Amino acid sequence: MSLRLAESDDVPYIMEIIKKVIPRMHAAGNYQWDEYYPTEATFKKDIKNGTLYVYEEKREIKGCIVADNNHAFAYDDIPWELARMDCLALHRLAVDPAFQGQGIAQKILKGIIKIGKDKSYLGIHTDTSQENKPMQQLFSKLGFEYKGHLNLDDNLNDWYAAYEKVF
């Protein structure tokens, strides 16, 4: 099992995961992703930037995440302890539904925390939809602190919970 940088050949597998995850998100009232986002082009750009990671076990990709320096402008309204330049920002965490409930998301986040520390970051900033209670619980379990809520897309019906992990 490992968390590694994604390669171009991984994109079809990642897109299969995304296609399986979106209906589950919608069933839970979370419309953060749809047929327009995230796209194959989004993930190819992440690979080009060296920021997309995949989690695999026995040569099978079970999840993915992006860890970069791209903090949304809406993050400026959150009372973070750490400055954005000192923190990784997390995006597009997904686990194949066939493997959900097996601790994969926790393993991915723990791996990213290690990567962040190894790269001399002081912490992580991230967000998740208000409806995504399992992710909020996981963030809390791993020592992320709730910092407030924000709106990422100017749709006043879509609010996100912001979290910070200080190393």
Protein backbone atom coordinates (compact mmCIF):
# COMPACT_ATOMS: atom_id res chain seq x y z
CA MET A 1 0.00 0.00 0.00
CA SER A 2 1.27 3.42 -0.84
CA LEU A 3 0.50 7.00 -1.62
CA ARG A 4 2.41 8.10 -4.69
CA LEU A 5 2.43 10.87 -7.27
CA ALA A 6 -0.03 10.12 -10.03
CA GLU A 7 1.03 9.48 -13.60
CA SER A 8 -0.82 10.08 -16.88
CA ASP A 9 -1.73 6.38 -17.10
CA ASP A 10 -3.63 6.71 -13.80
CA VAL A 11 -6.19 9.21 -15.13
CA PRO A 12 -8.68 6.66 -16.55
CA TYR A 13 -8.74 4.85 -13.20
CA ILE A 14 -9.19 8.11 -11.32
CA MET A 15 -12.06 9.12 -13.61
CA GLU A 16 -13.76 5.77 -12.97
CA ILE A 17 -13.57 6.48 -9.23
CA ILE A 18 -14.98 9.98 -9.74
CA LYS A 19 -17.88 8.63 -11.83
CA LYS A 20 -18.74 6.20 -9.02
CA VAL A 21 -18.37 8.80 -6.26
CA ILE A 22 -20.56 11.55 -7.75
CA PRO A 23 -23.91 9.70 -7.46
CA ARG A 24 -23.14 8.84 -3.83
CA MET A 25 -22.31 12.48 -3.13
CA HIS A 26 -25.56 13.63 -4.73
CA ALA A 27 -27.56 11.02 -2.78
CA ALA A 28 -26.12 12.53 0.42
CA GLY A 29 -27.14 16.06 -0.66
CA ASN A 30 -23.60 17.06 -1.63
CA TYR A 31 -23.49 18.63 -5.10
CA GLN A 32 -19.90 19.83 -4.92
CA TRP A 33 -18.99 17.64 -7.93
CA ASP A 34 -20.96 16.88 -11.09
CA GLU A 35 -20.46 15.96 -14.75
CA TYR A 36 -18.55 19.23 -15.26
CA TYR A 37 -16.15 19.04 -12.31
CA PRO A 38 -13.72 17.50 -11.73
CA THR A 39 -12.76 16.61 -15.28
CA GLU A 40 -10.06 14.54 -16.90
CA ALA A 41 -8.38 17.83 -17.87
CA THR A 42 -8.42 18.90 -14.21
CA PHE A 43 -6.54 15.78 -13.17
CA LYS A 44 -4.11 15.99 -16.09
CA LYS A 45 -3.25 19.53 -15.01
CA ASP A 46 -2.74 18.28 -11.43
CA ILE A 47 -0.35 15.62 -12.73
CA LYS A 48 1.54 18.21 -14.77
CA ASN A 49 1.85 20.33 -11.61
CA GLY A 50 3.06 17.34 -9.57
CA THR A 51 0.23 17.71 -7.05
CA LEU A 52 -2.04 14.70 -7.66
CA TYR A 53 -1.46 11.62 -5.52
CA VAL A 54 -3.05 8.21 -5.79
CA TYR A 55 -3.40 5.63 -3.07
CA GLU A 56 -2.91 2.10 -4.28
CA GLU A 57 -2.86 -1.34 -2.75
CA LYS A 58 -1.84 -4.45 -4.69
CA ARG A 59 -1.44 -2.34 -7.85
CA GLU A 60 -5.05 -1.15 -7.63
CA ILE A 61 -5.83 2.55 -7.30
CA LYS A 62 -8.32 2.99 -4.49
CA GLY A 63 -8.30 6.76 -4.03
CA CYS A 64 -6.76 10.09 -4.89
CA ILE A 65 -6.08 13.56 -3.51
CA VAL A 66 -4.50 16.83 -4.61
CA ALA A 67 -2.12 18.65 -2.27
CA ASP A 68 -0.85 21.99 -3.56
CA ASN A 69 -0.45 25.70 -2.76
CA ASN A 70 -3.69 26.72 -4.45
CA HIS A 71 -5.73 28.25 -1.64
CA ALA A 72 -9.11 29.57 -2.75
CA PHE A 73 -9.60 33.32 -2.38
CA ALA A 74 -12.51 32.60 -0.04
CA TYR A 75 -9.92 31.21 2.38
CA ASP A 76 -8.89 34.81 3.10
CA ASP A 77 -12.02 35.19 5.22
CA ILE A 78 -11.12 32.30 7.54
CA PRO A 79 -9.22 33.00 10.81
CA TRP A 80 -6.40 30.53 10.16
CA GLU A 81 -3.62 30.13 12.68
CA LEU A 82 -1.07 29.70 9.89
CA ALA A 83 -0.48 31.77 6.76
CA ARG A 84 -1.44 30.21 3.43
CA MET A 85 2.18 30.14 2.22
CA ASP A 86 3.06 27.89 5.18
CA CYS A 87 0.34 25.33 4.40
CA LEU A 88 -0.65 22.79 1.84
CA ALA A 89 -4.19 23.05 0.51
CA LEU A 90 -6.11 19.83 -0.13
CA HIS A 91 -8.54 19.22 -2.98
CA ARG A 92 -10.41 16.42 -4.72
CA LEU A 93 -10.09 13.63 -2.17
CA ALA A 94 -11.95 10.60 -3.47
CA VAL A 95 -12.09 6.95 -2.48
CA ASP A 96 -13.55 4.27 -4.72
CA PRO A 97 -16.94 3.35 -3.19
CA ALA A 98 -15.94 -0.33 -3.36
CA PHE A 99 -13.32 0.43 -0.71
CA GLN A 100 -15.07 3.05 1.40
CA GLY A 101 -15.32 2.24 5.08
CA GLN A 102 -11.90 0.56 5.08
CA GLY A 103 -9.87 3.52 6.36
CA ILE A 104 -8.53 4.51 2.93
CA ALA A 105 -9.31 8.22 3.32
CA GLN A 106 -7.55 8.19 6.69
CA LYS A 107 -4.49 6.54 5.13
CA ILE A 108 -4.48 9.11 2.33
CA LEU A 109 -4.68 12.03 4.76
CA LYS A 110 -2.00 10.58 7.02
CA GLY A 111 0.22 10.17 3.96
CA ILE A 112 -0.36 13.78 2.92
CA ILE A 113 0.41 14.98 6.45
CA LYS A 114 3.75 13.16 6.22
CA ILE A 115 4.43 14.63 2.78
CA GLY A 116 3.61 18.10 4.07
CA LYS A 117 5.98 17.72 7.00
CA ASP A 118 8.70 16.31 4.73
CA LYS A 119 8.33 19.37 2.47
CA SER A 120 8.68 21.68 5.51
CA TYR A 121 5.10 22.95 5.54
CA LEU A 122 3.73 23.97 8.92
CA GLY A 123 0.23 22.67 8.32
CA ILE A 124 -2.70 22.03 6.01
CA HIS A 125 -5.74 24.07 5.04
CA THR A 126 -8.75 22.33 3.55
CA ASP A 127 -12.51 22.38 3.25
CA THR A 128 -15.40 20.04 2.63
CA SER A 129 -19.08 20.53 1.94
CA GLN A 130 -21.28 21.18 4.94
CA GLU A 131 -23.16 17.98 4.02
CA ASN A 132 -20.06 15.78 4.17
CA LYS A 133 -20.27 14.81 7.84
CA PRO A 134 -18.05 11.71 7.51
CA MET A 135 -15.18 13.84 6.14
CA GLN A 136 -15.68 16.44 8.86
CA GLN A 137 -15.50 13.67 11.48
CA LEU A 138 -12.35 12.29 9.88
CA PHE A 139 -10.69 15.71 9.86
CA SER A 140 -11.48 16.09 13.56
CA LYS A 141 -10.20 12.58 14.33
CA LEU A 142 -6.88 13.43 12.65
CA GLY A 143 -6.42 16.66 14.60
CA PHE A 144 -7.76 19.16 12.09
CA GLU A 145 -9.53 22.08 13.74
CA TYR A 146 -12.76 23.53 12.40
CA LYS A 147 -12.09 27.19 11.51
CA GLY A 148 -15.41 28.38 10.10
CA HIS A 149 -17.43 28.22 6.93
CA LEU A 150 -16.91 29.73 3.51
CA ASN A 151 -18.51 30.03 0.12
CA LEU A 152 -16.33 28.92 -2.78
CA ASP A 153 -18.47 29.54 -5.82
CA ASP A 154 -20.66 32.59 -5.12
CA ASN A 155 -23.68 30.31 -4.80
CA LEU A 156 -25.04 31.33 -1.43
CA ASN A 157 -26.62 27.89 -1.03
CA ASP A 158 -23.25 26.10 -1.12
CA TRP A 159 -21.27 26.52 2.08
CA TYR A 160 -18.14 24.63 3.02
CA ALA A 161 -16.56 23.80 6.37
CA ALA A 162 -12.93 24.97 6.65
CA TYR A 163 -10.33 22.96 8.59
CA GLU A 164 -6.72 23.51 9.57
CA LYS A 165 -4.12 21.01 10.71
CA VAL A 166 -1.06 22.49 12.43
CA PHE A 167 1.92 20.14 12.55
